[in-house]
Amino acid sequence: MATTRPTRPTLTTWAEHLAERNPGHRFEIIGGVLMVTPLPDSAHAAVLTAVTAAYLRAGIDDSDGVVLQRVAVRLPTGPEDYAVPDLSIVDADVDAHAVTDDRYAPACFRMVLEVTSDNPGLDLRHKVPAYAVASIPVYVIVDRENERIHVLTGPSGDGYSIHRRYSPGEAAVLPGSVGAEVTLEAAETLAAGRPKKSD
């Protein structure tokens, strides 16, 4: 009599199991690898507030696109792959692009933005090919460790054909394809990402 092997839990099952026990942590599957990002600090959240304010000043409204935080994008790099960008600009009809209850097709993402945390290599290395293969047109990284803003455009294969870096004193003008003329002042954006010290 043939014996049946027990079914192994999928990575998605593991991610859901761990997420229930670690609220606030971010779980992503990229290239078939389960990745975990711990709870962000307040300065990380302050960067997202500053960037959102820049988009609102540029005049983006719900008919142009929607600015959202932590919305999962389904990645074509593997059957279970998905990423959860810190901030995204998506088409106004984002709900029409739902692949599952909580993941959306990459075609509705105009831009994704990540703010580096304790594991900057995830944003600076692993997510670049993942977002490029998904043909997300603009990928912005607020690199708090190296005090730079990276703007990657022109997804091609597993990379981006254009990679511009902005330091304090420079302004990153994002492509109009995000829905408006958005300018990120590097000094202001990076300053928001520095932990505030009490006197």
N, C-alpha and C. Protein backbone atom coordinates (compact mmCIF):
# COMPACT_ATOMS: atom_id res chain seq x y z
N MET A 1 0.84 -1.18 0.00
CA MET A 1 0.00 0.00 0.00
C MET A 1 0.88 1.24 0.00
N ALA A 2 0.61 2.15 -0.93
CA ALA A 2 1.42 3.36 -1.06
C ALA A 2 1.09 4.33 0.07
N THR A 3 2.13 4.94 0.58
CA THR A 3 1.91 5.95 1.62
C THR A 3 1.94 7.33 1.00
N THR A 4 1.16 8.20 1.53
CA THR A 4 1.14 9.57 1.02
C THR A 4 1.98 10.45 1.92
N ARG A 5 2.73 11.30 1.30
CA ARG A 5 3.57 12.23 2.06
C ARG A 5 2.72 13.38 2.57
N PRO A 6 3.01 13.84 3.76
CA PRO A 6 2.25 14.99 4.27
C PRO A 6 2.49 16.21 3.39
N THR A 7 1.46 17.01 3.24
CA THR A 7 1.56 18.21 2.42
C THR A 7 2.37 19.26 3.18
N ARG A 8 3.34 19.82 2.50
CA ARG A 8 4.16 20.87 3.11
C ARG A 8 3.43 22.19 3.01
N PRO A 9 3.52 23.00 4.05
CA PRO A 9 2.89 24.33 3.96
C PRO A 9 3.57 25.17 2.88
N THR A 10 2.79 25.95 2.19
CA THR A 10 3.35 26.85 1.18
C THR A 10 3.99 28.05 1.87
N LEU A 11 4.79 28.80 1.11
CA LEU A 11 5.37 30.03 1.66
C LEU A 11 4.28 31.02 2.06
N THR A 12 3.22 31.05 1.27
CA THR A 12 2.11 31.94 1.60
C THR A 12 1.49 31.56 2.94
N THR A 13 1.34 30.25 3.18
CA THR A 13 0.81 29.78 4.46
C THR A 13 1.73 30.20 5.60
N TRP A 14 3.04 30.05 5.40
CA TRP A 14 4.00 30.47 6.42
C TRP A 14 3.91 31.97 6.67
N ALA A 15 3.82 32.75 5.59
CA ALA A 15 3.75 34.21 5.73
C ALA A 15 2.50 34.60 6.54
N GLU A 16 1.39 33.98 6.23
CA GLU A 16 0.15 34.29 6.96
C GLU A 16 0.25 33.86 8.42
N HIS A 17 0.84 32.70 8.65
CA HIS A 17 1.01 32.19 10.01
C HIS A 17 1.90 33.14 10.83
N LEU A 18 3.00 33.55 10.25
CA LEU A 18 3.92 34.45 10.96
C LEU A 18 3.33 35.84 11.15
N ALA A 19 2.58 36.32 10.16
CA ALA A 19 1.97 37.65 10.26
C ALA A 19 0.98 37.71 11.41
N GLU A 20 0.25 36.62 11.63
CA GLU A 20 -0.70 36.59 12.76
C GLU A 20 0.01 36.73 14.10
N ARG A 21 1.23 36.22 14.17
CA ARG A 21 1.97 36.24 15.43
C ARG A 21 2.92 37.42 15.56
N ASN A 22 3.08 38.18 14.51
CA ASN A 22 4.00 39.33 14.52
C ASN A 22 3.33 40.54 13.88
N PRO A 23 2.32 41.10 14.53
CA PRO A 23 1.58 42.22 13.93
C PRO A 23 2.51 43.38 13.62
N GLY A 24 2.26 44.00 12.47
CA GLY A 24 3.04 45.16 12.06
C GLY A 24 4.25 44.83 11.22
N HIS A 25 4.78 43.61 11.34
CA HIS A 25 5.90 43.20 10.50
C HIS A 25 5.39 43.00 9.08
N ARG A 26 6.28 43.19 8.13
CA ARG A 26 5.91 43.03 6.73
C ARG A 26 6.51 41.73 6.21
N PHE A 27 5.68 40.89 5.60
CA PHE A 27 6.12 39.63 5.02
C PHE A 27 5.91 39.70 3.52
N GLU A 28 6.95 39.35 2.77
CA GLU A 28 6.90 39.39 1.31
C GLU A 28 7.57 38.13 0.78
N ILE A 29 7.17 37.70 -0.40
CA ILE A 29 7.81 36.57 -1.06
C ILE A 29 8.38 37.09 -2.38
N ILE A 30 9.69 37.09 -2.47
CA ILE A 30 10.37 37.64 -3.64
C ILE A 30 11.36 36.59 -4.14
N GLY A 31 11.19 36.18 -5.39
CA GLY A 31 12.06 35.15 -5.94
C GLY A 31 11.97 33.84 -5.19
N GLY A 32 10.78 33.54 -4.67
CA GLY A 32 10.58 32.31 -3.95
C GLY A 32 11.18 32.28 -2.55
N VAL A 33 11.56 33.46 -2.03
CA VAL A 33 12.15 33.56 -0.70
C VAL A 33 11.25 34.43 0.18
N LEU A 34 10.92 33.93 1.36
CA LEU A 34 10.11 34.70 2.31
C LEU A 34 10.99 35.71 3.02
N MET A 35 10.63 36.98 2.91
CA MET A 35 11.42 38.06 3.51
C MET A 35 10.58 38.78 4.55
N VAL A 36 11.25 39.21 5.62
CA VAL A 36 10.56 39.85 6.74
C VAL A 36 11.20 41.20 7.02
N THR A 37 10.37 42.22 7.17
CA THR A 37 10.82 43.54 7.58
C THR A 37 10.17 43.86 8.91
N PRO A 38 10.98 44.24 9.91
CA PRO A 38 10.39 44.52 11.23
C PRO A 38 9.58 45.80 11.23
N LEU A 39 8.89 46.03 12.34
CA LEU A 39 8.13 47.27 12.51
C LEU A 39 9.00 48.48 12.21
N PRO A 40 8.52 49.43 11.43
CA PRO A 40 9.32 50.62 11.15
C PRO A 40 9.35 51.58 12.32
N ASP A 41 10.36 52.44 12.33
CA ASP A 41 10.42 53.47 13.37
C ASP A 41 9.60 54.68 12.94
N SER A 42 9.47 55.65 13.84
CA SER A 42 8.64 56.82 13.55
C SER A 42 9.22 57.65 12.42
N ALA A 43 10.55 57.69 12.29
CA ALA A 43 11.17 58.46 11.22
C ALA A 43 10.84 57.86 9.85
N HIS A 44 10.74 56.55 9.78
CA HIS A 44 10.34 55.88 8.54
C HIS A 44 8.94 56.36 8.13
N ALA A 45 8.03 56.40 9.11
CA ALA A 45 6.67 56.88 8.84
C ALA A 45 6.66 58.35 8.45
N ALA A 46 7.57 59.14 9.04
CA ALA A 46 7.64 60.57 8.71
C ALA A 46 8.03 60.79 7.25
N VAL A 47 8.87 59.93 6.71
CA VAL A 47 9.23 60.03 5.28
C VAL A 47 7.99 59.82 4.42
N LEU A 48 7.19 58.83 4.77
CA LEU A 48 5.98 58.56 3.98
C LEU A 48 5.02 59.74 4.04
N THR A 49 4.93 60.39 5.20
CA THR A 49 4.09 61.58 5.32
C THR A 49 4.62 62.70 4.43
N ALA A 50 5.94 62.90 4.45
CA ALA A 50 6.55 63.96 3.63
C ALA A 50 6.35 63.71 2.15
N VAL A 51 6.51 62.47 1.73
CA VAL A 51 6.33 62.13 0.31
C VAL A 51 4.87 62.29 -0.10
N THR A 52 3.97 61.83 0.74
CA THR A 52 2.54 61.99 0.44
C THR A 52 2.18 63.46 0.31
N ALA A 53 2.72 64.29 1.19
CA ALA A 53 2.47 65.74 1.12
C ALA A 53 2.97 66.31 -0.20
N ALA A 54 4.12 65.84 -0.68
CA ALA A 54 4.66 66.32 -1.96
C ALA A 54 3.72 65.96 -3.11
N TYR A 55 3.13 64.77 -3.07
CA TYR A 55 2.18 64.37 -4.11
C TYR A 55 0.92 65.21 -4.05
N LEU A 56 0.44 65.47 -2.86
CA LEU A 56 -0.77 66.27 -2.73
C LEU A 56 -0.52 67.71 -3.19
N ARG A 57 0.65 68.26 -2.88
CA ARG A 57 1.00 69.61 -3.37
C ARG A 57 1.05 69.66 -4.88
N ALA A 58 1.43 68.54 -5.50
CA ALA A 58 1.52 68.48 -6.96
C ALA A 58 0.16 68.42 -7.62
N GLY A 59 -0.89 68.22 -6.82
CA GLY A 59 -2.24 68.25 -7.37
C GLY A 59 -2.79 66.91 -7.79
N ILE A 60 -2.19 65.82 -7.33
CA ILE A 60 -2.76 64.51 -7.64
C ILE A 60 -4.08 64.36 -6.91
N ASP A 61 -5.09 63.92 -7.64
CA ASP A 61 -6.36 63.62 -6.98
C ASP A 61 -6.81 62.23 -7.41
N ASP A 62 -7.94 61.81 -6.89
CA ASP A 62 -8.38 60.44 -7.13
C ASP A 62 -8.63 60.11 -8.59
N SER A 63 -8.85 61.12 -9.42
CA SER A 63 -9.07 60.83 -10.84
C SER A 63 -7.74 60.62 -11.56
N ASP A 64 -6.65 61.18 -11.01
CA ASP A 64 -5.33 61.03 -11.63
C ASP A 64 -4.63 59.75 -11.18
N GLY A 65 -4.83 59.41 -9.95
CA GLY A 65 -4.15 58.27 -9.36
C GLY A 65 -4.34 58.36 -7.86
N VAL A 66 -4.06 57.29 -7.18
CA VAL A 66 -4.28 57.23 -5.75
C VAL A 66 -2.96 56.92 -5.06
N VAL A 67 -2.65 57.64 -3.99
CA VAL A 67 -1.45 57.40 -3.20
C VAL A 67 -1.86 56.50 -2.03
N LEU A 68 -1.25 55.33 -1.96
CA LEU A 68 -1.60 54.35 -0.93
C LEU A 68 -0.35 53.80 -0.26
N GLN A 69 -0.49 53.37 0.98
CA GLN A 69 0.61 52.75 1.70
C GLN A 69 0.34 51.26 1.87
N ARG A 70 1.41 50.50 1.76
CA ARG A 70 1.40 49.05 2.02
C ARG A 70 0.30 48.29 1.29
N VAL A 71 0.24 48.48 -0.02
CA VAL A 71 -0.67 47.71 -0.87
C VAL A 71 0.18 46.70 -1.64
N ALA A 72 -0.18 45.42 -1.55
CA ALA A 72 0.64 44.36 -2.13
C ALA A 72 0.49 44.28 -3.65
N VAL A 73 1.65 44.13 -4.30
CA VAL A 73 1.68 43.94 -5.75
C VAL A 73 2.08 42.50 -6.04
N ARG A 74 1.31 41.84 -6.87
CA ARG A 74 1.62 40.47 -7.29
C ARG A 74 2.79 40.53 -8.26
N LEU A 75 3.82 39.73 -8.04
CA LEU A 75 5.02 39.74 -8.88
C LEU A 75 5.03 38.52 -9.79
N PRO A 76 5.53 38.69 -11.04
CA PRO A 76 5.56 37.56 -11.97
C PRO A 76 6.78 36.66 -11.79
N THR A 77 7.56 36.86 -10.73
CA THR A 77 8.81 36.12 -10.55
C THR A 77 8.62 34.73 -9.95
N GLY A 78 7.43 34.42 -9.49
CA GLY A 78 7.17 33.09 -8.93
C GLY A 78 5.70 32.95 -8.61
N PRO A 79 5.21 31.73 -8.44
CA PRO A 79 3.77 31.51 -8.26
C PRO A 79 3.20 32.14 -6.99
N GLU A 80 4.03 32.34 -5.97
CA GLU A 80 3.54 32.93 -4.73
C GLU A 80 4.11 34.33 -4.49
N ASP A 81 4.90 34.85 -5.41
CA ASP A 81 5.65 36.08 -5.17
C ASP A 81 4.77 37.32 -5.11
N TYR A 82 5.08 38.14 -4.13
CA TYR A 82 4.44 39.45 -4.00
C TYR A 82 5.35 40.34 -3.15
N ALA A 83 5.17 41.64 -3.32
CA ALA A 83 5.90 42.62 -2.51
C ALA A 83 4.88 43.61 -1.96
N VAL A 84 5.27 44.26 -0.86
CA VAL A 84 4.39 45.24 -0.23
C VAL A 84 5.17 46.54 -0.11
N PRO A 85 5.13 47.38 -1.14
CA PRO A 85 5.87 48.65 -1.08
C PRO A 85 5.37 49.53 0.06
N ASP A 86 6.29 50.35 0.58
CA ASP A 86 5.90 51.30 1.63
C ASP A 86 4.82 52.24 1.13
N LEU A 87 4.95 52.70 -0.11
CA LEU A 87 4.01 53.66 -0.68
C LEU A 87 3.92 53.40 -2.18
N SER A 88 2.74 53.57 -2.73
CA SER A 88 2.54 53.36 -4.17
C SER A 88 1.63 54.44 -4.73
N ILE A 89 1.80 54.71 -6.00
CA ILE A 89 0.79 55.47 -6.74
C ILE A 89 0.18 54.47 -7.71
N VAL A 90 -1.13 54.31 -7.60
CA VAL A 90 -1.83 53.33 -8.42
C VAL A 90 -2.95 54.02 -9.20
N ASP A 91 -3.40 53.34 -10.23
CA ASP A 91 -4.53 53.86 -11.00
C ASP A 91 -5.76 53.98 -10.10
N ALA A 92 -6.63 54.91 -10.45
CA ALA A 92 -7.83 55.15 -9.65
C ALA A 92 -8.72 53.91 -9.57
N ASP A 93 -8.67 53.05 -10.59
CA ASP A 93 -9.51 51.85 -10.58
C ASP A 93 -8.74 50.64 -10.04
N VAL A 94 -7.91 50.86 -9.05
CA VAL A 94 -7.05 49.80 -8.50
C VAL A 94 -7.85 48.55 -8.12
N ASP A 95 -9.05 48.72 -7.60
CA ASP A 95 -9.82 47.56 -7.16
C ASP A 95 -10.20 46.63 -8.31
N ALA A 96 -10.25 47.17 -9.51
CA ALA A 96 -10.54 46.34 -10.68
C ALA A 96 -9.36 45.44 -11.04
N HIS A 97 -8.20 45.69 -10.43
CA HIS A 97 -6.98 44.94 -10.73
C HIS A 97 -6.62 43.95 -9.62
N ALA A 98 -7.58 43.65 -8.75
CA ALA A 98 -7.32 42.71 -7.66
C ALA A 98 -7.07 41.32 -8.24
N VAL A 99 -5.98 40.70 -7.83
CA VAL A 99 -5.65 39.34 -8.23
C VAL A 99 -6.16 38.37 -7.17
N THR A 100 -5.98 38.74 -5.91
CA THR A 100 -6.54 38.02 -4.78
C THR A 100 -7.18 39.08 -3.89
N ASP A 101 -7.64 38.66 -2.72
CA ASP A 101 -8.29 39.61 -1.82
C ASP A 101 -7.36 40.76 -1.40
N ASP A 102 -6.05 40.50 -1.37
CA ASP A 102 -5.14 41.53 -0.87
C ASP A 102 -3.93 41.79 -1.75
N ARG A 103 -3.97 41.34 -3.01
CA ARG A 103 -2.85 41.58 -3.93
C ARG A 103 -3.39 42.07 -5.25
N TYR A 104 -2.61 42.96 -5.87
CA TYR A 104 -3.07 43.62 -7.09
C TYR A 104 -2.08 43.42 -8.22
N ALA A 105 -2.61 43.43 -9.44
CA ALA A 105 -1.78 43.25 -10.63
C ALA A 105 -0.82 44.43 -10.79
N PRO A 106 0.41 44.17 -11.20
CA PRO A 106 1.39 45.25 -11.34
C PRO A 106 1.01 46.31 -12.37
N ALA A 107 0.14 45.96 -13.32
CA ALA A 107 -0.22 46.91 -14.38
C ALA A 107 -0.85 48.19 -13.86
N CYS A 108 -1.45 48.16 -12.67
CA CYS A 108 -2.10 49.37 -12.15
C CYS A 108 -1.17 50.21 -11.28
N PHE A 109 0.08 49.78 -11.10
CA PHE A 109 1.04 50.53 -10.28
C PHE A 109 1.84 51.47 -11.17
N ARG A 110 1.73 52.76 -10.90
CA ARG A 110 2.50 53.76 -11.65
C ARG A 110 3.88 53.97 -11.04
N MET A 111 3.94 53.79 -9.72
CA MET A 111 5.18 54.00 -9.01
C MET A 111 5.13 53.26 -7.69
N VAL A 112 6.28 52.74 -7.26
CA VAL A 112 6.40 52.20 -5.91
C VAL A 112 7.57 52.93 -5.23
N LEU A 113 7.46 53.07 -3.92
CA LEU A 113 8.50 53.75 -3.15
C LEU A 113 8.80 52.93 -1.90
N GLU A 114 10.09 52.80 -1.62
CA GLU A 114 10.54 52.11 -0.42
C GLU A 114 11.42 53.06 0.39
N VAL A 115 11.30 52.97 1.71
CA VAL A 115 12.17 53.71 2.63
C VAL A 115 13.01 52.65 3.33
N THR A 116 14.33 52.78 3.26
CA THR A 116 15.19 51.75 3.83
C THR A 116 15.04 51.69 5.35
N SER A 117 15.14 50.46 5.87
CA SER A 117 15.05 50.21 7.31
C SER A 117 16.29 49.46 7.75
N ASP A 118 16.10 48.46 8.59
CA ASP A 118 17.23 47.68 9.11
C ASP A 118 17.88 46.78 8.07
N ASN A 119 17.17 46.51 6.98
CA ASN A 119 17.71 45.63 5.94
C ASN A 119 17.69 46.35 4.58
N PRO A 120 18.55 47.38 4.39
CA PRO A 120 18.50 48.16 3.15
C PRO A 120 18.76 47.35 1.89
N GLY A 121 19.47 46.22 2.02
CA GLY A 121 19.74 45.40 0.84
C GLY A 121 18.47 44.88 0.19
N LEU A 122 17.42 44.69 0.97
CA LEU A 122 16.15 44.24 0.41
C LEU A 122 15.63 45.24 -0.62
N ASP A 123 15.66 46.53 -0.25
CA ASP A 123 15.15 47.57 -1.15
C ASP A 123 16.13 47.89 -2.29
N LEU A 124 17.42 47.92 -1.97
CA LEU A 124 18.43 48.36 -2.93
C LEU A 124 18.86 47.26 -3.90
N ARG A 125 18.69 45.99 -3.50
CA ARG A 125 19.14 44.91 -4.38
C ARG A 125 17.99 43.97 -4.78
N HIS A 126 17.36 43.34 -3.82
CA HIS A 126 16.38 42.29 -4.15
C HIS A 126 15.13 42.82 -4.84
N LYS A 127 14.68 44.01 -4.45
CA LYS A 127 13.43 44.50 -5.03
C LYS A 127 13.61 45.14 -6.41
N VAL A 128 14.82 45.55 -6.76
CA VAL A 128 15.04 46.18 -8.07
C VAL A 128 14.64 45.23 -9.19
N PRO A 129 15.21 44.01 -9.27
CA PRO A 129 14.79 43.12 -10.36
C PRO A 129 13.33 42.69 -10.26
N ALA A 130 12.82 42.55 -9.03
CA ALA A 130 11.42 42.14 -8.87
C ALA A 130 10.47 43.17 -9.45
N TYR A 131 10.70 44.44 -9.14
CA TYR A 131 9.83 45.49 -9.66
C TYR A 131 10.05 45.71 -11.16
N ALA A 132 11.29 45.53 -11.62
CA ALA A 132 11.57 45.70 -13.05
C ALA A 132 10.87 44.63 -13.87
N VAL A 133 10.96 43.37 -13.44
CA VAL A 133 10.30 42.28 -14.16
C VAL A 133 8.79 42.49 -14.18
N ALA A 134 8.27 43.11 -13.12
CA ALA A 134 6.83 43.42 -13.06
C ALA A 134 6.46 44.63 -13.91
N SER A 135 7.46 45.25 -14.55
CA SER A 135 7.27 46.43 -15.42
C SER A 135 6.66 47.61 -14.68
N ILE A 136 7.00 47.78 -13.42
CA ILE A 136 6.56 48.97 -12.70
C ILE A 136 7.43 50.13 -13.17
N PRO A 137 6.82 51.18 -13.75
CA PRO A 137 7.60 52.19 -14.47
C PRO A 137 8.54 53.03 -13.63
N VAL A 138 8.20 53.29 -12.37
CA VAL A 138 9.04 54.14 -11.53
C VAL A 138 9.21 53.48 -10.17
N TYR A 139 10.48 53.36 -9.77
CA TYR A 139 10.80 52.81 -8.44
C TYR A 139 11.67 53.84 -7.73
N VAL A 140 11.18 54.33 -6.60
CA VAL A 140 11.90 55.33 -5.80
C VAL A 140 12.34 54.68 -4.49
N ILE A 141 13.60 54.91 -4.13
CA ILE A 141 14.14 54.41 -2.87
C ILE A 141 14.66 55.59 -2.07
N VAL A 142 14.13 55.78 -0.88
CA VAL A 142 14.66 56.79 0.04
C VAL A 142 15.67 56.04 0.91
N ASP A 143 16.94 56.23 0.57
CA ASP A 143 18.04 55.51 1.21
C ASP A 143 18.54 56.31 2.40
N ARG A 144 18.01 56.00 3.57
CA ARG A 144 18.35 56.78 4.76
C ARG A 144 19.79 56.55 5.20
N GLU A 145 20.30 55.36 4.98
CA GLU A 145 21.67 55.06 5.42
C GLU A 145 22.71 55.86 4.65
N ASN A 146 22.55 55.95 3.35
CA ASN A 146 23.53 56.65 2.49
C ASN A 146 23.11 58.07 2.12
N GLU A 147 21.98 58.53 2.69
CA GLU A 147 21.52 59.91 2.47
C GLU A 147 21.33 60.23 0.99
N ARG A 148 20.57 59.37 0.32
CA ARG A 148 20.29 59.58 -1.10
C ARG A 148 18.87 59.17 -1.43
N ILE A 149 18.35 59.75 -2.49
CA ILE A 149 17.10 59.29 -3.08
C ILE A 149 17.45 58.70 -4.44
N HIS A 150 17.03 57.48 -4.67
CA HIS A 150 17.26 56.80 -5.95
C HIS A 150 15.95 56.83 -6.73
N VAL A 151 16.03 57.21 -7.99
CA VAL A 151 14.85 57.16 -8.87
C VAL A 151 15.21 56.27 -10.05
N LEU A 152 14.55 55.14 -10.15
CA LEU A 152 14.80 54.18 -11.21
C LEU A 152 13.62 54.19 -12.17
N THR A 153 13.92 54.33 -13.47
CA THR A 153 12.87 54.35 -14.49
C THR A 153 13.33 53.50 -15.68
N GLY A 154 12.38 53.20 -16.54
CA GLY A 154 12.70 52.40 -17.73
C GLY A 154 12.95 50.94 -17.41
N PRO A 155 11.96 50.23 -16.85
CA PRO A 155 12.17 48.82 -16.56
C PRO A 155 12.51 48.04 -17.83
N SER A 156 13.56 47.23 -17.73
CA SER A 156 14.01 46.45 -18.88
C SER A 156 14.60 45.14 -18.36
N GLY A 157 13.95 44.04 -18.67
CA GLY A 157 14.43 42.76 -18.16
C GLY A 157 14.36 42.75 -16.64
N ASP A 158 15.50 42.45 -16.00
CA ASP A 158 15.52 42.40 -14.54
C ASP A 158 16.20 43.61 -13.92
N GLY A 159 16.12 44.75 -14.64
CA GLY A 159 16.70 45.98 -14.11
C GLY A 159 16.02 47.19 -14.70
N TYR A 160 16.55 48.34 -14.36
CA TYR A 160 16.04 49.61 -14.88
C TYR A 160 17.13 50.27 -15.71
N SER A 161 16.75 50.84 -16.84
CA SER A 161 17.74 51.43 -17.74
C SER A 161 18.25 52.78 -17.24
N ILE A 162 17.47 53.46 -16.41
CA ILE A 162 17.89 54.77 -15.88
C ILE A 162 17.85 54.71 -14.36
N HIS A 163 18.97 55.10 -13.74
CA HIS A 163 19.08 55.11 -12.28
C HIS A 163 19.73 56.43 -11.89
N ARG A 164 18.92 57.34 -11.34
CA ARG A 164 19.44 58.64 -10.92
C ARG A 164 19.48 58.69 -9.40
N ARG A 165 20.53 59.33 -8.87
CA ARG A 165 20.70 59.48 -7.43
C ARG A 165 20.68 60.96 -7.08
N TYR A 166 19.98 61.30 -6.00
CA TYR A 166 19.86 62.69 -5.57
C TYR A 166 20.32 62.82 -4.13
N SER A 167 21.17 63.80 -3.89
CA SER A 167 21.70 64.07 -2.55
C SER A 167 21.08 65.34 -2.00
N PRO A 168 21.23 65.60 -0.69
CA PRO A 168 20.69 66.85 -0.14
C PRO A 168 21.18 68.06 -0.94
N GLY A 169 20.26 68.97 -1.21
CA GLY A 169 20.55 70.12 -2.06
C GLY A 169 20.05 69.93 -3.48
N GLU A 170 19.67 68.71 -3.82
CA GLU A 170 19.13 68.42 -5.15
C GLU A 170 17.65 68.08 -5.04
N ALA A 171 16.97 68.20 -6.16
CA ALA A 171 15.53 67.89 -6.20
C ALA A 171 15.28 66.80 -7.23
N ALA A 172 14.55 65.79 -6.83
CA ALA A 172 14.17 64.71 -7.73
C ALA A 172 12.81 65.03 -8.32
N VAL A 173 12.78 65.29 -9.61
CA VAL A 173 11.52 65.54 -10.31
C VAL A 173 11.09 64.21 -10.94
N LEU A 174 9.96 63.70 -10.49
CA LEU A 174 9.52 62.39 -10.95
C LEU A 174 8.81 62.49 -12.30
N PRO A 175 8.84 61.41 -13.08
CA PRO A 175 8.20 61.43 -14.40
C PRO A 175 6.71 61.77 -14.30
N GLY A 176 6.21 62.48 -15.28
CA GLY A 176 4.80 62.86 -15.30
C GLY A 176 3.87 61.67 -15.33
N SER A 177 4.39 60.49 -15.67
CA SER A 177 3.54 59.29 -15.73
C SER A 177 2.96 58.91 -14.37
N VAL A 178 3.51 59.48 -13.28
CA VAL A 178 2.94 59.18 -11.96
C VAL A 178 1.60 59.90 -11.77
N GLY A 179 1.30 60.87 -12.62
CA GLY A 179 0.00 61.54 -12.55
C GLY A 179 0.07 63.02 -12.32
N ALA A 180 1.26 63.55 -12.01
CA ALA A 180 1.44 64.99 -11.80
C ALA A 180 2.94 65.27 -11.77
N GLU A 181 3.29 66.54 -11.79
CA GLU A 181 4.70 66.92 -11.68
C GLU A 181 5.09 66.93 -10.21
N VAL A 182 5.65 65.84 -9.75
CA VAL A 182 5.99 65.68 -8.34
C VAL A 182 7.48 65.92 -8.15
N THR A 183 7.82 66.79 -7.19
CA THR A 183 9.21 67.07 -6.87
C THR A 183 9.48 66.66 -5.43
N LEU A 184 10.51 65.85 -5.24
CA LEU A 184 10.95 65.47 -3.90
C LEU A 184 12.26 66.19 -3.60
N GLU A 185 12.21 67.13 -2.67
CA GLU A 185 13.43 67.80 -2.23
C GLU A 185 14.22 66.81 -1.39
N ALA A 186 15.43 66.47 -1.84
CA ALA A 186 16.19 65.43 -1.15
C ALA A 186 16.47 65.80 0.30
N ALA A 187 16.86 67.04 0.57
CA ALA A 187 17.20 67.44 1.94
C ALA A 187 15.99 67.29 2.86
N GLU A 188 14.85 67.76 2.41
CA GLU A 188 13.63 67.71 3.22
C GLU A 188 13.17 66.26 3.45
N THR A 189 13.21 65.47 2.39
CA THR A 189 12.75 64.08 2.49
C THR A 189 13.66 63.27 3.39
N LEU A 190 14.98 63.43 3.21
CA LEU A 190 15.93 62.68 4.03
C LEU A 190 15.92 63.14 5.49
N ALA A 191 15.72 64.45 5.70
CA ALA A 191 15.65 64.96 7.07
C ALA A 191 14.48 64.34 7.83
N ALA A 192 13.37 64.11 7.12
CA ALA A 192 12.21 63.49 7.76
C ALA A 192 12.55 62.09 8.24
N GLY A 193 13.51 61.44 7.58
CA GLY A 193 13.86 60.08 7.91
C GLY A 193 14.89 59.92 9.01
N ARG A 194 15.35 61.03 9.56
CA ARG A 194 16.32 60.92 10.66
C ARG A 194 15.59 60.86 11.99
N PRO A 195 15.97 59.91 12.84
CA PRO A 195 15.32 59.84 14.16
C PRO A 195 15.48 61.15 14.90
N LYS A 196 14.42 61.59 15.56
CA LYS A 196 14.45 62.83 16.32
C LYS A 196 14.99 62.55 17.71
N LYS A 197 15.97 63.32 18.12
CA LYS A 197 16.58 63.15 19.43
C LYS A 197 16.02 64.19 20.39
N SER A 198 15.73 63.74 21.59
CA SER A 198 15.21 64.69 22.59
C SER A 198 16.37 65.53 23.13
N ASP A 199 16.05 66.75 23.52
CA ASP A 199 17.07 67.66 24.04
C ASP A 199 17.46 67.31 25.47
